[in-house]
Amino acid sequence: MSESTHQFLMADDHFIPTGINGLQYSAGLFKEMINGKHVIHHGGSELGYATYNFYVVESKTTVAMLVNCNGYKACDDAHDALYQKVVNELTK
């Protein structure tokens, strides 16, 4: 990725408020404060799988999680809990 593309995606002044609890958006990425740390993220899901991708700015830590289940409550609750645990641990 070129430096200009990287700057376009990650520059603070490109993120705009969404009106949802401090969540900001820019070019397919979301940015928010979690436990006092800036986290840039994007994820998605379809029946059968889900993805979680996030970057903790202060520690320069990137995580990509892929789960091969989605679409029923037990599975959704389990992978959401895992995501929350990982994000909370990395933003302590």
C-alpha atoms as a PDB file:
ATOM      1  CA  MET A   1       0.000   0.000   0.000  1.00  0.00           C
ATOM      2  CA  SER A   2       1.344   3.407  -0.860  1.00  0.00           C
ATOM      3  CA  GLU A   3       2.070   5.931   1.877  1.00  0.00           C
ATOM      4  CA  SER A   4      -0.596   8.272   0.490  1.00  0.00           C
ATOM      5  CA  THR A   5      -3.232   5.511   0.640  1.00  0.00           C
ATOM      6  CA  HIS A   6      -2.165   4.607   4.179  1.00  0.00           C
ATOM      7  CA  GLN A   7      -2.423   8.247   5.236  1.00  0.00           C
ATOM      8  CA  PHE A   8      -5.833   8.549   3.609  1.00  0.00           C
ATOM      9  CA  LEU A   9      -7.133   5.540   5.557  1.00  0.00           C
ATOM     10  CA  MET A  10      -5.541   6.301   8.920  1.00  0.00           C
ATOM     11  CA  ALA A  11      -5.328  10.103   9.240  1.00  0.00           C
ATOM     12  CA  ASP A  12      -7.206  11.424  12.254  1.00  0.00           C
ATOM     13  CA  ASP A  13      -8.794  14.246  10.268  1.00  0.00           C
ATOM     14  CA  HIS A  14     -10.421  11.774   7.845  1.00  0.00           C
ATOM     15  CA  PHE A  15     -12.515  10.106  10.561  1.00  0.00           C
ATOM     16  CA  ILE A  16     -15.954  11.619  11.115  1.00  0.00           C
ATOM     17  CA  PRO A  17     -18.295  11.109  14.079  1.00  0.00           C
ATOM     18  CA  THR A  18     -21.111   8.619  13.581  1.00  0.00           C
ATOM     19  CA  GLY A  19     -23.174   9.893  16.508  1.00  0.00           C
ATOM     20  CA  ILE A  20     -22.882   6.482  18.215  1.00  0.00           C
ATOM     21  CA  ASN A  21     -20.970   6.591  21.532  1.00  0.00           C
ATOM     22  CA  GLY A  22     -17.792   8.233  20.192  1.00  0.00           C
ATOM     23  CA  LEU A  23     -17.533   5.881  17.206  1.00  0.00           C
ATOM     24  CA  GLN A  24     -15.915   7.472  14.143  1.00  0.00           C
ATOM     25  CA  TYR A  25     -15.865   6.281  10.513  1.00  0.00           C
ATOM     26  CA  SER A  26     -13.582   6.722   7.490  1.00  0.00           C
ATOM     27  CA  ALA A  27     -13.321   4.733   4.248  1.00  0.00           C
ATOM     28  CA  GLY A  28     -14.531   1.416   5.647  1.00  0.00           C
ATOM     29  CA  LEU A  29     -12.787   1.695   9.009  1.00  0.00           C
ATOM     30  CA  PHE A  30     -14.189   2.503  12.420  1.00  0.00           C
ATOM     31  CA  LYS A  31     -12.239   4.221  15.197  1.00  0.00           C
ATOM     32  CA  GLU A  32     -13.104   4.431  18.862  1.00  0.00           C
ATOM     33  CA  MET A  33     -11.579   4.672  22.319  1.00  0.00           C
ATOM     34  CA  ILE A  34     -11.582   1.393  24.240  1.00  0.00           C
ATOM     35  CA  ASN A  35     -10.166   1.482  27.772  1.00  0.00           C
ATOM     36  CA  GLY A  36      -8.440   4.766  26.905  1.00  0.00           C
ATOM     37  CA  LYS A  37      -6.739   3.403  23.776  1.00  0.00           C
ATOM     38  CA  HIS A  38      -7.473   4.264  20.132  1.00  0.00           C
ATOM     39  CA  VAL A  39      -8.717   1.183  18.269  1.00  0.00           C
ATOM     40  CA  ILE A  40      -9.303   1.102  14.515  1.00  0.00           C
ATOM     41  CA  HIS A  41     -11.415  -1.821  13.372  1.00  0.00           C
ATOM     42  CA  HIS A  42     -13.631  -3.463  10.799  1.00  0.00           C
ATOM     43  CA  GLY A  43     -15.350  -6.811  10.733  1.00  0.00           C
ATOM     44  CA  GLY A  44     -18.147  -8.669   9.100  1.00  0.00           C
ATOM     45  CA  SER A  45     -20.144 -11.840   9.028  1.00  0.00           C
ATOM     46  CA  GLU A  46     -22.226 -14.118   6.900  1.00  0.00           C
ATOM     47  CA  LEU A  47     -23.976 -17.335   7.756  1.00  0.00           C
ATOM     48  CA  GLY A  48     -21.206 -19.720   8.782  1.00  0.00           C
ATOM     49  CA  TYR A  49     -18.333 -17.310   9.502  1.00  0.00           C
ATOM     50  CA  ALA A  50     -17.357 -13.991  11.045  1.00  0.00           C
ATOM     51  CA  THR A  51     -14.282 -11.761  10.961  1.00  0.00           C
ATOM     52  CA  TYR A  52     -12.891  -9.273  13.440  1.00  0.00           C
ATOM     53  CA  ASN A  53      -9.932  -7.085  12.509  1.00  0.00           C
ATOM     54  CA  PHE A  54      -8.517  -4.379  14.738  1.00  0.00           C
ATOM     55  CA  TYR A  55      -5.457  -2.243  15.336  1.00  0.00           C
ATOM     56  CA  VAL A  56      -4.525  -0.745  18.719  1.00  0.00           C
ATOM     57  CA  VAL A  57      -2.760   2.499  17.802  1.00  0.00           C
ATOM     58  CA  GLU A  58      -0.769   3.035  21.005  1.00  0.00           C
ATOM     59  CA  SER A  59       0.830  -0.431  21.018  1.00  0.00           C
ATOM     60  CA  LYS A  60       0.888  -0.846  17.208  1.00  0.00           C
ATOM     61  CA  THR A  61      -0.839  -4.204  17.667  1.00  0.00           C
ATOM     62  CA  THR A  62      -2.901  -5.735  14.872  1.00  0.00           C
ATOM     63  CA  VAL A  63      -5.243  -8.704  15.317  1.00  0.00           C
ATOM     64  CA  ALA A  64      -7.282 -10.565  12.713  1.00  0.00           C
ATOM     65  CA  MET A  65      -9.773 -13.124  14.002  1.00  0.00           C
ATOM     66  CA  LEU A  66     -11.660 -15.505  11.731  1.00  0.00           C
ATOM     67  CA  VAL A  67     -14.290 -17.818  13.168  1.00  0.00           C
ATOM     68  CA  ASN A  68     -15.984 -20.576  11.222  1.00  0.00           C
ATOM     69  CA  CYS A  69     -19.383 -20.305  12.819  1.00  0.00           C
ATOM     70  CA  ASN A  70     -22.017 -17.607  12.760  1.00  0.00           C
ATOM     71  CA  GLY A  71     -25.748 -17.363  12.537  1.00  0.00           C
ATOM     72  CA  TYR A  72     -27.016 -18.970  15.706  1.00  0.00           C
ATOM     73  CA  LYS A  73     -27.020 -17.540  19.215  1.00  0.00           C
ATOM     74  CA  ALA A  74     -24.611 -19.919  20.991  1.00  0.00           C
ATOM     75  CA  CYS A  75     -21.975 -19.428  18.311  1.00  0.00           C
ATOM     76  CA  ASP A  76     -22.495 -15.674  18.002  1.00  0.00           C
ATOM     77  CA  ASP A  77     -22.292 -15.195  21.765  1.00  0.00           C
ATOM     78  CA  ALA A  78     -19.098 -17.279  21.982  1.00  0.00           C
ATOM     79  CA  HIS A  79     -17.161 -15.472  19.281  1.00  0.00           C
ATOM     80  CA  ASP A  80     -18.362 -12.064  20.448  1.00  0.00           C
ATOM     81  CA  ALA A  81     -17.174 -12.895  23.987  1.00  0.00           C
ATOM     82  CA  LEU A  82     -13.782 -13.971  22.598  1.00  0.00           C
ATOM     83  CA  TYR A  83     -13.473 -10.726  20.638  1.00  0.00           C
ATOM     84  CA  GLN A  84     -14.371  -8.664  23.740  1.00  0.00           C
ATOM     85  CA  LYS A  85     -11.831 -10.562  25.857  1.00  0.00           C
ATOM     86  CA  VAL A  86      -9.012 -10.087  23.329  1.00  0.00           C
ATOM     87  CA  VAL A  87      -9.768  -6.374  22.808  1.00  0.00           C
ATOM     88  CA  ASN A  88     -10.013  -5.722  26.550  1.00  0.00           C
ATOM     89  CA  GLU A  89      -6.760  -7.558  27.237  1.00  0.00           C
ATOM     90  CA  LEU A  90      -4.883  -5.630  24.541  1.00  0.00           C
ATOM     91  CA  THR A  91      -6.231  -2.247  25.638  1.00  0.00           C
ATOM     92  CA  LYS A  92      -5.427  -2.551  29.342  1.00  0.00           C
END
